[in-house]
Amino acid sequence: MKLNNKFLSKYGKWAVVTGASSGIGRAMVQELAEAGLNLVLVARREAELKQLAAEIAASHGVQLRVLAADLAIREEVQRIEEETGGLDVGLLVAAAGFGTSGDFIDGNLEDELSMLNVNCRAVMELSLHFGRRLVQRGRGGIILFGSLVGYQGTPRAAHYAATKAYIQTFAEGLNREMAPKGVDVLASAPGPVLSGFGERARMQMGLAEKPARVARVTLAALGRQMTVTPGLISKFLTWSLMTAPRRLRVSIMGQIMGGMTRSNSRPM
């Protein structure tokens, strides 16, 4: 997708992308660099970020900064805010996140707390910080990544789905609050995506969408929609479940997630 000069004018000169080293975050970096935005790349793995930055600089000639940070740690989030203070940031892409799966009571507390911090607290804090800057600037955008599972409770991914429900409702509220101030807020809610997410969450990602397509569809929707559901699977499930009673939706999603997490089921 070719982003036009109007996109660069509203969302440039700099974009901050979390989760930039892989998956959707990496695809967003590539699309934004092609549009001519300078980029702050945020992820835990510094070596991968530096390699990506070198590739992007060579192919697109934009400026890049690398910030290795663990968003589960609040001090690391604050460091991102401090180190981007002198940049004209016009776009925040909060693509970092991870999931857990299986029965909630079998989970590890530290893993669940870390997920809560990365998927919710860090997103809220970055949105507050950059949202204030964008309003003061009079233009810009924020993209938050929810998920198809965030539209209802999802057995065997109960806590992960809850973090994505938080993102969905948060983005919807921000969209209406910030639009009159010149700032576009978008929730992107994809279904399964081909990335490192499935391996970390111990999910089998069948019929998954490519990150590049998710990135392109998401960026095309910025400033035009409140929520976008990239991918045919995501759209099909969203519309087919929309009129179903919530209890039935939970049951159906439980069956789908049960199939995706069968390999890590604990014998009864």
C-alpha atoms as a PDB file:
ATOM      1  CA  MET A   1       0.000   0.000   0.000  1.00  0.00           C
ATOM      2  CA  LYS A   2       1.300   3.440  -0.918  1.00  0.00           C
ATOM      3  CA  LEU A   3       0.597   5.991   1.800  1.00  0.00           C
ATOM      4  CA  ASN A   4       0.148   9.520   0.443  1.00  0.00           C
ATOM      5  CA  ASN A   5       1.735  12.823   1.418  1.00  0.00           C
ATOM      6  CA  LYS A   6      -1.303  13.699   3.534  1.00  0.00           C
ATOM      7  CA  PHE A   7      -0.515  10.712   5.743  1.00  0.00           C
ATOM      8  CA  LEU A   8       3.058  11.904   6.203  1.00  0.00           C
ATOM      9  CA  SER A   9       1.897  15.433   6.955  1.00  0.00           C
ATOM     10  CA  LYS A  10      -0.532  14.342   9.676  1.00  0.00           C
ATOM     11  CA  TYR A  11       1.352  11.450  11.261  1.00  0.00           C
ATOM     12  CA  GLY A  12       5.001  12.409  10.662  1.00  0.00           C
ATOM     13  CA  LYS A  13       7.770  13.253  11.251  1.00  0.00           C
ATOM     14  CA  TRP A  14       8.368  10.448  13.731  1.00  0.00           C
ATOM     15  CA  ALA A  15       6.451   7.302  14.659  1.00  0.00           C
ATOM     16  CA  VAL A  16       7.041   5.214  17.765  1.00  0.00           C
ATOM     17  CA  VAL A  17       6.419   1.501  17.169  1.00  0.00           C
ATOM     18  CA  THR A  18       6.464  -0.997  20.030  1.00  0.00           C
ATOM     19  CA  GLY A  19       6.890  -4.688  19.314  1.00  0.00           C
ATOM     20  CA  ALA A  20       8.946  -3.578  16.309  1.00  0.00           C
ATOM     21  CA  SER A  21      11.274  -6.572  16.059  1.00  0.00           C
ATOM     22  CA  SER A  22       8.763  -9.121  14.761  1.00  0.00           C
ATOM     23  CA  GLY A  23       5.253  -9.864  13.562  1.00  0.00           C
ATOM     24  CA  ILE A  24       2.781  -7.025  13.101  1.00  0.00           C
ATOM     25  CA  GLY A  25       5.122  -4.461  14.656  1.00  0.00           C
ATOM     26  CA  ARG A  26       7.872  -5.242  12.155  1.00  0.00           C
ATOM     27  CA  ALA A  27       5.394  -5.069   9.275  1.00  0.00           C
ATOM     28  CA  MET A  28       4.151  -1.680  10.514  1.00  0.00           C
ATOM     29  CA  VAL A  29       7.741  -0.435  10.584  1.00  0.00           C
ATOM     30  CA  GLN A  30       8.251  -1.440   6.955  1.00  0.00           C
ATOM     31  CA  GLU A  31       5.032   0.233   5.801  1.00  0.00           C
ATOM     32  CA  LEU A  32       5.714   3.454   7.696  1.00  0.00           C
ATOM     33  CA  ALA A  33       9.299   3.653   6.482  1.00  0.00           C
ATOM     34  CA  GLU A  34       8.056   3.314   2.910  1.00  0.00           C
ATOM     35  CA  ALA A  35       5.777   6.286   3.592  1.00  0.00           C
ATOM     36  CA  GLY A  36       8.802   8.319   4.689  1.00  0.00           C
ATOM     37  CA  LEU A  37       8.292   8.466   8.446  1.00  0.00           C
ATOM     38  CA  ASN A  38      11.282   8.415  10.754  1.00  0.00           C
ATOM     39  CA  LEU A  39      10.971   5.624  13.303  1.00  0.00           C
ATOM     40  CA  VAL A  40      11.677   4.804  16.925  1.00  0.00           C
ATOM     41  CA  LEU A  41      11.864   1.018  17.145  1.00  0.00           C
ATOM     42  CA  VAL A  42      10.960  -0.458  20.531  1.00  0.00           C
ATOM     43  CA  ALA A  43      11.260  -4.121  21.551  1.00  0.00           C
ATOM     44  CA  ARG A  44      13.160  -6.286  24.014  1.00  0.00           C
ATOM     45  CA  ARG A  45      15.717  -7.727  21.571  1.00  0.00           C
ATOM     46  CA  GLU A  46      18.277  -5.047  20.799  1.00  0.00           C
ATOM     47  CA  ALA A  47      20.284  -7.079  18.256  1.00  0.00           C
ATOM     48  CA  GLU A  48      17.200  -7.732  16.127  1.00  0.00           C
ATOM     49  CA  LEU A  49      16.176  -4.081  16.343  1.00  0.00           C
ATOM     50  CA  LYS A  50      19.595  -2.919  15.180  1.00  0.00           C
ATOM     51  CA  GLN A  51      19.554  -5.321  12.252  1.00  0.00           C
ATOM     52  CA  LEU A  52      16.075  -4.146  11.254  1.00  0.00           C
ATOM     53  CA  ALA A  53      17.116  -0.505  11.595  1.00  0.00           C
ATOM     54  CA  ALA A  54      20.098  -1.072   9.315  1.00  0.00           C
ATOM     55  CA  GLU A  55      17.910  -2.752   6.689  1.00  0.00           C
ATOM     56  CA  ILE A  56      15.272  -0.009   6.793  1.00  0.00           C
ATOM     57  CA  ALA A  57      17.845   2.792   6.654  1.00  0.00           C
ATOM     58  CA  ALA A  58      19.513   1.212   3.640  1.00  0.00           C
ATOM     59  CA  SER A  59      16.277   0.657   1.724  1.00  0.00           C
ATOM     60  CA  HIS A  60      14.289   3.786   2.629  1.00  0.00           C
ATOM     61  CA  GLY A  61      16.750   6.411   3.861  1.00  0.00           C
ATOM     62  CA  VAL A  62      14.700   7.435   6.901  1.00  0.00           C
ATOM     63  CA  GLN A  63      16.086   8.158  10.357  1.00  0.00           C
ATOM     64  CA  LEU A  64      15.814   5.392  12.937  1.00  0.00           C
ATOM     65  CA  ARG A  65      16.379   5.089  16.649  1.00  0.00           C
ATOM     66  CA  VAL A  66      16.551   1.822  18.552  1.00  0.00           C
ATOM     67  CA  LEU A  67      15.226   1.505  22.106  1.00  0.00           C
ATOM     68  CA  ALA A  68      15.568  -1.927  23.707  1.00  0.00           C
ATOM     69  CA  ALA A  69      12.963  -2.001  26.475  1.00  0.00           C
ATOM     70  CA  ASP A  70      10.818  -4.486  28.367  1.00  0.00           C
ATOM     71  CA  LEU A  71       7.352  -2.931  28.578  1.00  0.00           C
ATOM     72  CA  ALA A  72       6.485  -5.121  31.556  1.00  0.00           C
ATOM     73  CA  ILE A  73       8.781  -2.848  33.601  1.00  0.00           C
ATOM     74  CA  ARG A  74       7.379   0.616  34.245  1.00  0.00           C
ATOM     75  CA  GLU A  75      10.792   2.267  34.400  1.00  0.00           C
ATOM     76  CA  GLU A  76      11.473   1.009  30.884  1.00  0.00           C
ATOM     77  CA  VAL A  77       8.265   2.625  29.626  1.00  0.00           C
ATOM     78  CA  GLN A  78       9.253   5.881  31.285  1.00  0.00           C
ATOM     79  CA  ARG A  79      12.639   5.693  29.547  1.00  0.00           C
ATOM     80  CA  ILE A  80      10.873   5.516  26.180  1.00  0.00           C
ATOM     81  CA  GLU A  81       8.966   8.669  27.061  1.00  0.00           C
ATOM     82  CA  GLU A  82      12.162  10.439  28.130  1.00  0.00           C
ATOM     83  CA  GLU A  83      14.265   9.424  25.143  1.00  0.00           C
ATOM     84  CA  THR A  84      11.646  10.523  22.611  1.00  0.00           C
ATOM     85  CA  GLY A  85      11.076  13.898  24.259  1.00  0.00           C
ATOM     86  CA  GLY A  86      12.980  15.857  21.626  1.00  0.00           C
ATOM     87  CA  LEU A  87      11.317  14.236  18.619  1.00  0.00           C
ATOM     88  CA  ASP A  88       8.271  15.462  16.694  1.00  0.00           C
ATOM     89  CA  VAL A  89       6.258  12.267  17.243  1.00  0.00           C
ATOM     90  CA  GLY A  90       3.058  12.156  15.234  1.00  0.00           C
ATOM     91  CA  LEU A  91       2.108   8.494  15.559  1.00  0.00           C
ATOM     92  CA  LEU A  92       2.137   5.846  18.271  1.00  0.00           C
ATOM     93  CA  VAL A  93       1.764   2.226  17.168  1.00  0.00           C
ATOM     94  CA  ALA A  94       1.359   0.018  20.246  1.00  0.00           C
ATOM     95  CA  ALA A  95       1.946  -3.370  18.629  1.00  0.00           C
ATOM     96  CA  ALA A  96       3.808  -5.037  21.497  1.00  0.00           C
ATOM     97  CA  GLY A  97       1.917  -7.754  23.304  1.00  0.00           C
ATOM     98  CA  PHE A  98       1.824 -11.438  24.081  1.00  0.00           C
ATOM     99  CA  GLY A  99      -0.639 -14.066  25.197  1.00  0.00           C
ATOM    100  CA  THR A 100      -0.969 -17.052  27.454  1.00  0.00           C
ATOM    101  CA  SER A 101      -3.250 -20.027  26.920  1.00  0.00           C
ATOM    102  CA  GLY A 102      -4.705 -22.990  28.734  1.00  0.00           C
ATOM    103  CA  ASP A 103      -6.839 -23.074  31.859  1.00  0.00           C
ATOM    104  CA  PHE A 104      -6.257 -19.902  33.860  1.00  0.00           C
ATOM    105  CA  ILE A 105      -5.771 -21.729  37.164  1.00  0.00           C
ATOM    106  CA  ASP A 106      -2.888 -23.701  35.640  1.00  0.00           C
ATOM    107  CA  GLY A 107      -1.053 -20.518  34.673  1.00  0.00           C
ATOM    108  CA  ASN A 108       2.010 -18.872  36.188  1.00  0.00           C
ATOM    109  CA  LEU A 109       1.268 -15.716  38.179  1.00  0.00           C
ATOM    110  CA  GLU A 110       4.404 -13.879  37.044  1.00  0.00           C
ATOM    111  CA  ASP A 111       3.596 -14.590  33.396  1.00  0.00           C
ATOM    112  CA  GLU A 112       0.043 -13.334  33.836  1.00  0.00           C
ATOM    113  CA  LEU A 113       1.180 -10.163  35.603  1.00  0.00           C
ATOM    114  CA  SER A 114       3.771  -9.534  32.917  1.00  0.00           C
ATOM    115  CA  MET A 115       1.118  -9.917  30.219  1.00  0.00           C
ATOM    116  CA  LEU A 116      -1.179  -7.528  32.047  1.00  0.00           C
ATOM    117  CA  ASN A 117       1.609  -4.955  32.261  1.00  0.00           C
ATOM    118  CA  VAL A 118       2.633  -5.246  28.603  1.00  0.00           C
ATOM    119  CA  ASN A 119      -0.827  -5.554  27.060  1.00  0.00           C
ATOM    120  CA  CYS A 120      -2.642  -3.003  29.245  1.00  0.00           C
ATOM    121  CA  ARG A 121      -0.622  -0.860  31.640  1.00  0.00           C
ATOM    122  CA  ALA A 122       2.169   0.032  29.207  1.00  0.00           C
ATOM    123  CA  VAL A 123      -0.370   0.770  26.453  1.00  0.00           C
ATOM    124  CA  MET A 124      -2.335   3.041  28.778  1.00  0.00           C
ATOM    125  CA  GLU A 125       0.770   4.890  29.953  1.00  0.00           C
ATOM    126  CA  LEU A 126       2.163   5.403  26.456  1.00  0.00           C
ATOM    127  CA  SER A 127      -1.250   6.501  25.177  1.00  0.00           C
ATOM    128  CA  LEU A 128      -1.523   9.069  27.964  1.00  0.00           C
ATOM    129  CA  HIS A 129       1.968  10.423  27.386  1.00  0.00           C
ATOM    130  CA  PHE A 130       1.874  10.604  23.605  1.00  0.00           C
ATOM    131  CA  GLY A 131      -1.827  11.473  23.517  1.00  0.00           C
ATOM    132  CA  ARG A 132      -1.093  14.651  25.455  1.00  0.00           C
ATOM    133  CA  ARG A 133       1.749  15.483  23.083  1.00  0.00           C
ATOM    134  CA  LEU A 134      -0.383  14.864  20.004  1.00  0.00           C
ATOM    135  CA  VAL A 135      -3.231  17.031  21.296  1.00  0.00           C
ATOM    136  CA  GLN A 136      -0.774  19.827  22.008  1.00  0.00           C
ATOM    137  CA  ARG A 137       0.599  19.380  18.495  1.00  0.00           C
ATOM    138  CA  GLY A 138      -2.916  19.500  17.032  1.00  0.00           C
ATOM    139  CA  ARG A 139      -2.680  16.373  14.889  1.00  0.00           C
ATOM    140  CA  GLY A 140      -1.490  12.771  14.936  1.00  0.00           C
ATOM    141  CA  GLY A 141      -2.609   9.219  15.527  1.00  0.00           C
ATOM    142  CA  ILE A 142      -2.616   6.294  17.943  1.00  0.00           C
ATOM    143  CA  ILE A 143      -3.026   2.671  16.844  1.00  0.00           C
ATOM    144  CA  LEU A 144      -3.811   0.083  19.518  1.00  0.00           C
ATOM    145  CA  PHE A 145      -3.930  -3.637  18.801  1.00  0.00           C
ATOM    146  CA  GLY A 146      -6.792  -5.607  20.253  1.00  0.00           C
ATOM    147  CA  SER A 147      -7.920  -8.995  19.030  1.00  0.00           C
ATOM    148  CA  LEU A 148     -10.917 -10.927  17.829  1.00  0.00           C
ATOM    149  CA  VAL A 149     -10.961 -12.706  21.214  1.00  0.00           C
ATOM    150  CA  GLY A 150     -11.495  -9.372  22.975  1.00  0.00           C
ATOM    151  CA  TYR A 151     -15.139  -9.140  21.899  1.00  0.00           C
ATOM    152  CA  GLN A 152     -16.260 -11.791  24.412  1.00  0.00           C
ATOM    153  CA  GLY A 153     -14.882 -14.053  27.099  1.00  0.00           C
ATOM    154  CA  THR A 154     -12.677 -16.772  25.614  1.00  0.00           C
ATOM    155  CA  PRO A 155     -12.112 -20.011  27.546  1.00  0.00           C
ATOM    156  CA  ARG A 156      -8.505 -21.254  27.534  1.00  0.00           C
ATOM    157  CA  ALA A 157      -7.345 -17.719  26.884  1.00  0.00           C
ATOM    158  CA  ALA A 158      -9.457 -16.020  29.532  1.00  0.00           C
ATOM    159  CA  HIS A 159      -6.925 -13.516  30.809  1.00  0.00           C
ATOM    160  CA  TYR A 160      -5.421 -12.752  27.391  1.00  0.00           C
ATOM    161  CA  ALA A 161      -8.912 -12.091  25.991  1.00  0.00           C
ATOM    162  CA  ALA A 162      -9.606  -9.796  28.940  1.00  0.00           C
ATOM    163  CA  THR A 163      -6.504  -7.714  28.189  1.00  0.00           C
ATOM    164  CA  LYS A 164      -7.689  -7.308  24.608  1.00  0.00           C
ATOM    165  CA  ALA A 165     -11.205  -6.368  25.738  1.00  0.00           C
ATOM    166  CA  TYR A 166      -9.519  -3.594  27.731  1.00  0.00           C
ATOM    167  CA  ILE A 167      -7.729  -2.356  24.622  1.00  0.00           C
ATOM    168  CA  GLN A 168     -10.902  -2.417  22.523  1.00  0.00           C
ATOM    169  CA  THR A 169     -12.997  -0.383  24.943  1.00  0.00           C
ATOM    170  CA  PHE A 170     -10.075   1.944  25.715  1.00  0.00           C
ATOM    171  CA  ALA A 171      -9.495   2.706  22.026  1.00  0.00           C
ATOM    172  CA  GLU A 172     -13.199   3.278  21.347  1.00  0.00           C
ATOM    173  CA  GLY A 173     -13.429   5.824  24.142  1.00  0.00           C
ATOM    174  CA  LEU A 174     -10.235   7.572  23.094  1.00  0.00           C
ATOM    175  CA  ASN A 175     -11.434   7.725  19.503  1.00  0.00           C
ATOM    176  CA  ARG A 176     -14.392   9.888  20.476  1.00  0.00           C
ATOM    177  CA  GLU A 177     -12.479  11.968  23.011  1.00  0.00           C
ATOM    178  CA  MET A 178      -9.550  12.825  20.791  1.00  0.00           C
ATOM    179  CA  ALA A 179     -11.101  13.207  17.332  1.00  0.00           C
ATOM    180  CA  PRO A 180     -12.234  16.811  18.000  1.00  0.00           C
ATOM    181  CA  LYS A 181      -8.645  17.566  19.050  1.00  0.00           C
ATOM    182  CA  GLY A 182      -7.196  16.411  15.736  1.00  0.00           C
ATOM    183  CA  VAL A 183      -5.937  13.010  16.902  1.00  0.00           C
ATOM    184  CA  ASP A 184      -7.095   9.783  15.239  1.00  0.00           C
ATOM    185  CA  VAL A 185      -7.328   6.660  17.430  1.00  0.00           C
ATOM    186  CA  LEU A 186      -7.830   3.221  15.909  1.00  0.00           C
ATOM    187  CA  ALA A 187      -8.369  -0.234  17.390  1.00  0.00           C
ATOM    188  CA  SER A 188      -7.095  -3.014  15.141  1.00  0.00           C
ATOM    189  CA  ALA A 189      -8.595  -6.405  16.041  1.00  0.00           C
ATOM    190  CA  PRO A 190      -7.078  -9.166  13.910  1.00  0.00           C
ATOM    191  CA  GLY A 191      -7.659 -12.869  14.234  1.00  0.00           C
ATOM    192  CA  PRO A 192      -4.768 -15.372  14.082  1.00  0.00           C
ATOM    193  CA  VAL A 193      -1.578 -13.891  12.601  1.00  0.00           C
ATOM    194  CA  LEU A 194       1.570 -15.627  11.364  1.00  0.00           C
ATOM    195  CA  SER A 195       4.127 -14.368  13.874  1.00  0.00           C
ATOM    196  CA  GLY A 196       6.021 -15.416  16.991  1.00  0.00           C
ATOM    197  CA  PHE A 197       2.874 -14.832  19.047  1.00  0.00           C
ATOM    198  CA  GLY A 198       1.526 -18.362  18.599  1.00  0.00           C
ATOM    199  CA  GLU A 199       4.734 -20.026  19.727  1.00  0.00           C
ATOM    200  CA  ARG A 200       5.003 -17.921  22.872  1.00  0.00           C
ATOM    201  CA  ALA A 201       1.312 -18.401  23.681  1.00  0.00           C
ATOM    202  CA  ARG A 202       1.525 -22.147  22.869  1.00  0.00           C
ATOM    203  CA  MET A 203      -1.243 -21.846  20.276  1.00  0.00           C
ATOM    204  CA  GLN A 204      -1.522 -23.558  16.897  1.00  0.00           C
ATOM    205  CA  MET A 205      -2.185 -20.696  14.494  1.00  0.00           C
ATOM    206  CA  GLY A 206      -4.099 -22.325  11.645  1.00  0.00           C
ATOM    207  CA  LEU A 207      -5.481 -20.223   8.759  1.00  0.00           C
ATOM    208  CA  ALA A 208      -3.500 -17.250  10.007  1.00  0.00           C
ATOM    209  CA  GLU A 209      -3.169 -13.875   8.286  1.00  0.00           C
ATOM    210  CA  LYS A 210       0.185 -12.461   7.155  1.00  0.00           C
ATOM    211  CA  PRO A 211       1.505  -9.550   9.271  1.00  0.00           C
ATOM    212  CA  ALA A 212       2.087  -7.406   6.168  1.00  0.00           C
ATOM    213  CA  ARG A 213      -1.599  -7.545   5.250  1.00  0.00           C
ATOM    214  CA  VAL A 214      -2.650  -6.713   8.802  1.00  0.00           C
ATOM    215  CA  ALA A 215      -0.332  -3.690   8.740  1.00  0.00           C
ATOM    216  CA  ARG A 216      -1.585  -2.433   5.374  1.00  0.00           C
ATOM    217  CA  VAL A 217      -5.275  -2.804   6.244  1.00  0.00           C
ATOM    218  CA  THR A 218      -4.739  -1.166   9.634  1.00  0.00           C
ATOM    219  CA  LEU A 219      -2.923   1.870   8.257  1.00  0.00           C
ATOM    220  CA  ALA A 220      -5.537   2.313   5.537  1.00  0.00           C
ATOM    221  CA  ALA A 221      -8.234   2.489   8.245  1.00  0.00           C
ATOM    222  CA  LEU A 222      -6.479   5.089  10.406  1.00  0.00           C
ATOM    223  CA  GLY A 223      -8.538   8.278  10.469  1.00  0.00           C
ATOM    224  CA  ARG A 224     -11.465   6.551   8.745  1.00  0.00           C
ATOM    225  CA  GLN A 225     -12.712   3.949  11.236  1.00  0.00           C
ATOM    226  CA  MET A 226     -12.919   3.368  14.972  1.00  0.00           C
ATOM    227  CA  THR A 227     -12.138  -0.350  14.687  1.00  0.00           C
ATOM    228  CA  VAL A 228     -10.738  -2.438  11.863  1.00  0.00           C
ATOM    229  CA  THR A 229     -10.753  -6.249  11.679  1.00  0.00           C
ATOM    230  CA  PRO A 230      -7.940  -7.190   9.276  1.00  0.00           C
ATOM    231  CA  GLY A 231      -8.213 -10.537   7.530  1.00  0.00           C
ATOM    232  CA  LEU A 232     -11.039 -12.620   6.113  1.00  0.00           C
ATOM    233  CA  ILE A 233     -11.148 -14.955   9.120  1.00  0.00           C
ATOM    234  CA  SER A 234     -11.442 -12.087  11.548  1.00  0.00           C
ATOM    235  CA  LYS A 235     -14.206 -10.437   9.511  1.00  0.00           C
ATOM    236  CA  PHE A 236     -16.119 -13.691   9.078  1.00  0.00           C
ATOM    237  CA  LEU A 237     -16.062 -14.582  12.763  1.00  0.00           C
ATOM    238  CA  THR A 238     -16.860 -11.033  13.855  1.00  0.00           C
ATOM    239  CA  TRP A 239     -19.943 -10.730  11.663  1.00  0.00           C
ATOM    240  CA  SER A 240     -21.139 -14.311  12.166  1.00  0.00           C
ATOM    241  CA  LEU A 241     -20.967 -13.999  15.950  1.00  0.00           C
ATOM    242  CA  MET A 242     -22.301 -10.452  16.197  1.00  0.00           C
ATOM    243  CA  THR A 243     -25.970 -11.408  16.534  1.00  0.00           C
ATOM    244  CA  ALA A 244     -25.390 -14.503  18.666  1.00  0.00           C
ATOM    245  CA  PRO A 245     -26.185 -14.349  22.403  1.00  0.00           C
ATOM    246  CA  ARG A 246     -23.083 -13.620  24.423  1.00  0.00           C
ATOM    247  CA  ARG A 247     -23.220 -17.003  26.176  1.00  0.00           C
ATOM    248  CA  LEU A 248     -23.181 -18.745  22.779  1.00  0.00           C
ATOM    249  CA  ARG A 249     -20.315 -16.567  21.563  1.00  0.00           C
ATOM    250  CA  VAL A 250     -18.267 -17.538  24.599  1.00  0.00           C
ATOM    251  CA  SER A 251     -19.006 -21.200  23.966  1.00  0.00           C
ATOM    252  CA  ILE A 252     -18.043 -20.988  20.279  1.00  0.00           C
ATOM    253  CA  MET A 253     -14.808 -19.150  21.014  1.00  0.00           C
ATOM    254  CA  GLY A 254     -14.022 -21.728  23.677  1.00  0.00           C
ATOM    255  CA  GLN A 255     -14.349 -24.484  21.087  1.00  0.00           C
ATOM    256  CA  ILE A 256     -12.101 -22.596  18.654  1.00  0.00           C
ATOM    257  CA  MET A 257      -9.491 -21.891  21.320  1.00  0.00           C
ATOM    258  CA  GLY A 258      -9.704 -25.483  22.532  1.00  0.00           C
ATOM    259  CA  GLY A 259      -8.634 -26.621  19.077  1.00  0.00           C
ATOM    260  CA  MET A 260      -5.797 -24.102  18.969  1.00  0.00           C
ATOM    261  CA  THR A 261      -4.457 -25.114  22.394  1.00  0.00           C
ATOM    262  CA  ARG A 262      -5.090 -28.855  22.350  1.00  0.00           C
ATOM    263  CA  SER A 263      -1.368 -29.652  22.502  1.00  0.00           C
ATOM    264  CA  ASN A 264      -0.937 -27.947  25.868  1.00  0.00           C
ATOM    265  CA  SER A 265      -4.049 -29.367  27.490  1.00  0.00           C
ATOM    266  CA  ARG A 266      -3.466 -31.027  30.836  1.00  0.00           C
ATOM    267  CA  PRO A 267      -4.884 -34.565  31.213  1.00  0.00           C
ATOM    268  CA  MET A 268      -7.966 -34.661  33.467  1.00  0.00           C
END
